[in-house]
């Protein structure tokens, strides 16, 4: 049994018991989260998609803040003395899928 869930504009294929890194969600470690935007559910070969899906996915926050890899954007114009360095690390939340109901 699996489901396709939309979280912060991205789609994730989830199964029960799966750990997953999603864009940062509000909450602390141990909090329960309900994901209501379910796009598709497969129950033992029976597929529900679109408006007919009435399921919710329940998850638990395992780690509230995980930082991604460092990304550097470096701009330079040769012979002009122009150099600009800008970087960031994307924030993620680690969740564990508990049930698809």
Foldseek 3Di string as FASTA:
>chain_A
DWWWAADPNDIDIDDAFDKDKAAADDDAAFDKDKGQRIAWDADPNDIDGDPVDRKIWMKGFHHRWDWADKDWDWDDDPPPPDIDIDIDTGIITMIGTHDID
